[in-house]
């Protein structure tokens, strides 16, 4: 196996983020990817609310079946003698079906309380994700601009910034399900 100098490897690996900076996705594209990846879309909450409202239109259905068998015993007394007769068995079976609507759910469904709580948590999570994404994205752009101004590509300052770009790229990929790297590979 051929040995490649670490500085050369770093340069090869990091050329992609630097080169792709001009062609990389916008912050809006990355935000959409992050929201989709984390499943924190406002549409999801709207869907929950619609489903809860539709629940009131659907009945609660109950179906039952019963089967009874009773033994018939008859006693008859004649001339001081009692005779017992068994049978025939008395059998009966029945079906029942009921449909129940709770029309009060059209006005307020008990699931709304749960949806409201989950909605609040989802909005907080979405805001946290977008804040982390925005911070990483704009810091990455700033460092890429700084790298363009550094003449000595072997300097510690340059290498530190390259590593930081790699770290920020990983953060953005973690928040978006790899969207930034996939886009860079397509270019």
Foldseek 3Di string as FASTA:
>chain_A
DDDDDPLVVLCVVLVLCLVCLVVFDDLVVLLVLLCVVVVLDPVVLVVVVVVLLCVLVFWDKDKDKDKDKAKDWDWDADPNDIDIDTDDIDIDMDMDMDTHGDNVSNVPGPCVVVSVVVNVVSVVVSVVLSVLLVVLVVVLSVLSVVLVPDDDCPDPSNSVSSVSNVVSLVSSCVSRVHRRVVSSVVD
